[in-house]
Amino acid sequence: MPVKPKAAAAASEPPLTPPRSRREEYTDSTRGALLDAARGLFVSTGYHQTSTEAVVTAARVTKGALYHHFADKAALLEALVVQLQQQAAARMNARAVKEKTLWLRLRAACESYLDICTEHDYQQLVIRDAPAALGVERAGAIGEQYVIGPMVRVMEKLKADGELDVGDARLAGRMIARMLCEAAELLAQEPQPARMRKEALSNLSRVLEAFRPPAAAASGRKA
């Protein structure tokens, strides 16, 4: 039996997303307030110097609300580190996709990561506090998931395509990321950061080119 046009049109429409309840909106709002308050205090006062009482006071919620969302202060920091690493990955990708080749995308992502590592909140929470408070293994796992992992996968693809001459792409990717973080630490203390940033990017370019087979490098210069 043929379907009436009106019914067919209705059947093709995707199901509507049910509206969020006030409870869901309140839950998200409370969690966001706690994260915002914790971020401000951890950066300005210091993670170890900030109490959970200070966080709930700044967020204007109860301590019960805090423990409903987070097991302890370390869980708050972990959520912030995940948030910052997700944002870093999105920014690196947005910068990289503007380039035409995978090699140029890798370089663009590395440049973007250097800039991110110079930002005060990222330096304080991700580079300094996370390894000390969460442990090197957990902090590293978060970075591996959101930032280092994608960079390594690009390097593995370049290696498979014959554009990267390196034995262990994962090791090389982690070393480059560490180099960028170290450069960022120095940039934060440098009275002329623009000059040092230019030098850091020049050094980065040399390191990446050292991993590139001569034939691939020559082809890239012609392109």
Protein backbone atom coordinates (compact mmCIF):
# COMPACT_ATOMS: atom_id res chain seq x y z
CA MET A 1 0.00 0.00 0.00
CA PRO A 2 1.53 3.35 -1.03
CA VAL A 3 2.52 5.71 1.75
CA LYS A 4 0.92 9.12 1.70
CA PRO A 5 3.44 11.90 0.98
CA LYS A 6 2.75 13.64 4.29
CA ALA A 7 3.31 10.46 6.26
CA ALA A 8 6.49 9.69 4.34
CA ALA A 9 7.90 13.11 5.11
CA ALA A 10 7.12 12.69 8.77
CA ALA A 11 8.71 9.25 8.84
CA SER A 12 11.96 10.60 7.36
CA GLU A 13 12.37 13.26 10.03
CA PRO A 14 14.87 12.40 12.79
CA PRO A 15 13.42 11.91 16.26
CA LEU A 16 13.37 15.07 18.33
CA THR A 17 15.84 15.28 21.20
CA PRO A 18 13.88 15.32 24.44
CA PRO A 19 14.21 18.59 26.32
CA ARG A 20 16.66 18.61 29.21
CA SER A 21 15.13 18.52 32.64
CA ARG A 22 15.74 21.23 35.19
CA ARG A 23 17.60 18.69 37.28
CA GLU A 24 19.98 17.92 34.41
CA GLU A 25 20.54 21.61 33.75
CA TYR A 26 21.17 22.23 37.45
CA THR A 27 23.59 19.31 37.63
CA ASP A 28 25.63 20.61 34.69
CA SER A 29 25.52 24.14 36.08
CA THR A 30 26.76 22.98 39.48
CA ARG A 31 29.59 20.94 37.99
CA GLY A 32 30.61 23.85 35.78
CA ALA A 33 30.59 26.25 38.73
CA LEU A 34 32.83 23.90 40.73
CA LEU A 35 35.29 23.54 37.85
CA ASP A 36 35.41 27.29 37.23
CA ALA A 37 35.95 28.01 40.92
CA ALA A 38 38.61 25.33 41.27
CA ARG A 39 40.46 26.51 38.18
CA GLY A 40 40.59 30.09 39.41
CA LEU A 41 41.77 29.10 42.87
CA PHE A 42 44.26 26.43 41.78
CA VAL A 43 45.91 28.92 39.42
CA SER A 44 45.88 31.97 41.68
CA THR A 45 46.41 30.37 45.10
CA GLY A 46 47.96 27.03 44.22
CA TYR A 47 46.54 23.51 44.15
CA HIS A 48 48.03 22.40 47.44
CA GLN A 49 47.13 25.66 49.17
CA THR A 50 43.47 25.51 48.09
CA SER A 51 40.99 23.74 50.35
CA THR A 52 37.73 22.13 49.27
CA GLU A 53 35.98 24.62 51.55
CA ALA A 54 37.42 27.47 49.49
CA VAL A 55 36.22 25.83 46.28
CA VAL A 56 32.62 25.33 47.43
CA THR A 57 32.53 28.87 48.83
CA ALA A 58 33.73 30.34 45.54
CA ALA A 59 31.31 28.16 43.57
CA ARG A 60 28.46 29.01 45.97
CA VAL A 61 27.44 25.39 46.41
CA THR A 62 27.42 22.97 49.33
CA LYS A 63 30.17 20.53 50.16
CA GLY A 64 27.65 17.77 49.47
CA ALA A 65 27.31 19.07 45.90
CA LEU A 66 31.08 18.92 45.52
CA TYR A 67 31.27 15.29 46.63
CA HIS A 68 28.29 14.40 44.45
CA HIS A 69 30.36 15.30 41.39
CA PHE A 70 33.94 14.71 42.52
CA ALA A 71 35.43 12.20 44.95
CA ASP A 72 38.02 14.67 46.23
CA LYS A 73 40.19 17.65 45.31
CA ALA A 74 42.40 15.50 43.09
CA ALA A 75 39.34 14.48 41.06
CA LEU A 76 38.60 18.17 40.53
CA LEU A 77 42.10 18.73 39.22
CA GLU A 78 41.87 15.68 36.97
CA ALA A 79 38.62 16.96 35.44
CA LEU A 80 40.29 20.32 34.78
CA VAL A 81 43.31 18.66 33.18
CA VAL A 82 41.04 16.59 30.92
CA GLN A 83 39.14 19.76 29.99
CA LEU A 84 42.33 21.65 29.17
CA GLN A 85 43.76 18.76 27.15
CA GLN A 86 40.53 18.40 25.17
CA GLN A 87 40.62 22.12 24.39
CA ALA A 88 44.30 21.87 23.42
CA ALA A 89 43.57 18.99 21.03
CA ALA A 90 40.72 20.92 19.40
CA ARG A 91 42.90 23.99 18.90
CA MET A 92 45.78 21.97 17.48
CA ASN A 93 43.44 20.23 15.05
CA ALA A 94 41.81 23.51 14.00
CA ARG A 95 45.23 24.92 13.19
CA ALA A 96 46.47 21.77 11.46
CA VAL A 97 43.52 21.20 9.10
CA LYS A 98 44.26 24.48 7.35
CA GLU A 99 47.41 22.92 5.87
CA LYS A 100 47.44 20.85 2.68
CA THR A 101 49.83 18.02 3.56
CA LEU A 102 50.15 15.73 6.56
CA TRP A 103 53.72 16.91 7.14
CA LEU A 104 52.67 20.57 7.28
CA ARG A 105 49.77 19.62 9.56
CA LEU A 106 52.20 18.01 11.99
CA ARG A 107 54.32 21.14 12.07
CA ALA A 108 51.27 23.35 12.51
CA ALA A 109 50.01 21.18 15.38
CA CYS A 110 53.42 21.37 17.06
CA GLU A 111 53.46 25.17 16.70
CA SER A 112 49.98 25.36 18.17
CA TYR A 113 51.03 23.14 21.08
CA LEU A 114 54.00 25.41 21.82
CA ASP A 115 51.64 28.38 22.05
CA ILE A 116 49.26 26.43 24.31
CA CYS A 117 52.12 25.44 26.60
CA THR A 118 52.98 29.10 27.15
CA GLU A 119 49.53 29.87 28.57
CA HIS A 120 49.58 30.29 32.33
CA ASP A 121 46.63 28.03 33.24
CA TYR A 122 47.91 25.19 31.06
CA GLN A 123 51.43 25.50 32.43
CA GLN A 124 50.27 25.57 36.03
CA LEU A 125 47.62 22.86 35.96
CA VAL A 126 48.74 20.46 33.22
CA ILE A 127 52.52 20.75 33.19
CA ARG A 128 53.26 21.43 36.86
CA ASP A 129 50.38 20.37 39.12
CA ALA A 130 49.03 17.29 37.35
CA PRO A 131 52.18 15.12 37.53
CA ALA A 132 52.72 16.02 41.20
CA ALA A 133 49.10 15.65 42.35
CA LEU A 134 47.76 12.92 40.06
CA GLY A 135 50.99 11.05 39.47
CA VAL A 136 53.18 11.04 36.39
CA GLU A 137 51.46 7.94 35.00
CA ARG A 138 47.91 9.32 35.19
CA ALA A 139 48.87 12.80 33.98
CA GLY A 140 50.78 11.23 31.11
CA ALA A 141 47.84 8.99 30.19
CA ILE A 142 45.56 12.02 29.83
CA GLY A 143 48.09 13.78 27.63
CA GLU A 144 48.56 10.61 25.62
CA GLN A 145 44.83 10.34 24.99
CA TYR A 146 44.15 13.88 23.86
CA VAL A 147 47.38 15.52 22.70
CA ILE A 148 50.36 13.20 22.36
CA GLY A 149 48.39 10.27 20.94
CA PRO A 150 47.03 12.15 17.91
CA MET A 151 50.50 13.62 17.26
CA VAL A 152 52.04 10.16 17.41
CA ARG A 153 49.41 8.74 15.04
CA VAL A 154 50.30 11.42 12.49
CA MET A 155 53.97 10.53 12.83
CA GLU A 156 53.15 6.84 12.41
CA LYS A 157 51.22 7.65 9.23
CA LEU A 158 54.13 9.72 7.93
CA LYS A 159 56.46 6.81 8.69
CA ALA A 160 54.16 4.40 6.82
CA ASP A 161 54.14 6.80 3.86
CA GLY A 162 57.95 6.92 3.82
CA GLU A 163 58.08 10.55 4.94
CA LEU A 164 59.52 9.89 8.38
CA ASP A 165 62.73 7.98 9.06
CA VAL A 166 62.41 7.03 12.72
CA GLY A 167 62.39 3.68 14.51
CA ASP A 168 59.78 4.43 17.18
CA ALA A 169 57.27 7.10 16.18
CA ARG A 170 55.65 7.04 19.63
CA LEU A 171 58.95 7.76 21.36
CA ALA A 172 59.81 10.50 18.87
CA GLY A 173 56.40 12.13 19.33
CA ARG A 174 56.68 12.12 23.11
CA MET A 175 60.19 13.57 22.96
CA ILE A 176 59.06 16.38 20.66
CA ALA A 177 56.12 17.17 22.96
CA ARG A 178 58.48 17.26 25.96
CA MET A 179 60.83 19.56 24.07
CA LEU A 180 57.95 21.94 23.33
CA CYS A 181 56.91 21.97 27.00
CA GLU A 182 60.47 22.73 28.08
CA ALA A 183 60.64 25.57 25.57
CA ALA A 184 57.35 26.89 26.90
CA GLU A 185 58.69 26.91 30.46
CA LEU A 186 61.59 29.08 29.31
CA LEU A 187 59.29 31.32 27.27
CA ALA A 188 57.24 32.06 30.38
CA GLN A 189 60.35 33.51 32.05
CA GLU A 190 61.74 35.28 28.99
CA PRO A 191 61.54 39.12 28.82
CA GLN A 192 61.47 38.89 24.99
CA PRO A 193 59.24 35.86 24.36
CA ALA A 194 58.63 36.65 20.68
CA ARG A 195 62.33 36.29 19.89
CA MET A 196 62.66 33.06 21.85
CA ARG A 197 59.46 31.64 20.30
CA LYS A 198 60.93 32.20 16.84
CA GLU A 199 64.11 30.39 17.91
CA ALA A 200 62.12 27.54 19.45
CA LEU A 201 60.15 27.04 16.23
CA SER A 202 63.38 27.09 14.24
CA ASN A 203 64.81 24.37 16.48
CA LEU A 204 61.58 22.38 16.17
CA SER A 205 61.80 22.58 12.38
CA ARG A 206 65.37 21.28 12.45
CA VAL A 207 64.42 18.35 14.66
CA LEU A 208 61.49 17.36 12.45
CA GLU A 209 63.56 17.69 9.28
CA ALA A 210 66.23 15.44 10.84
CA PHE A 211 63.60 12.67 10.96
CA ARG A 212 62.73 13.16 7.31
CA PRO A 213 64.33 11.05 4.55
CA PRO A 214 66.30 13.18 2.04
CA ALA A 215 63.99 12.26 -0.85
CA ALA A 216 60.86 13.25 1.08
CA ALA A 217 62.47 16.49 2.26
CA ALA A 218 63.45 17.39 -1.32
CA SER A 219 59.94 16.63 -2.55
CA GLY A 220 58.47 18.81 0.21
CA ARG A 221 60.68 21.75 -0.70
CA LYS A 222 59.59 21.54 -4.36
CA ALA A 223 55.93 21.49 -3.28
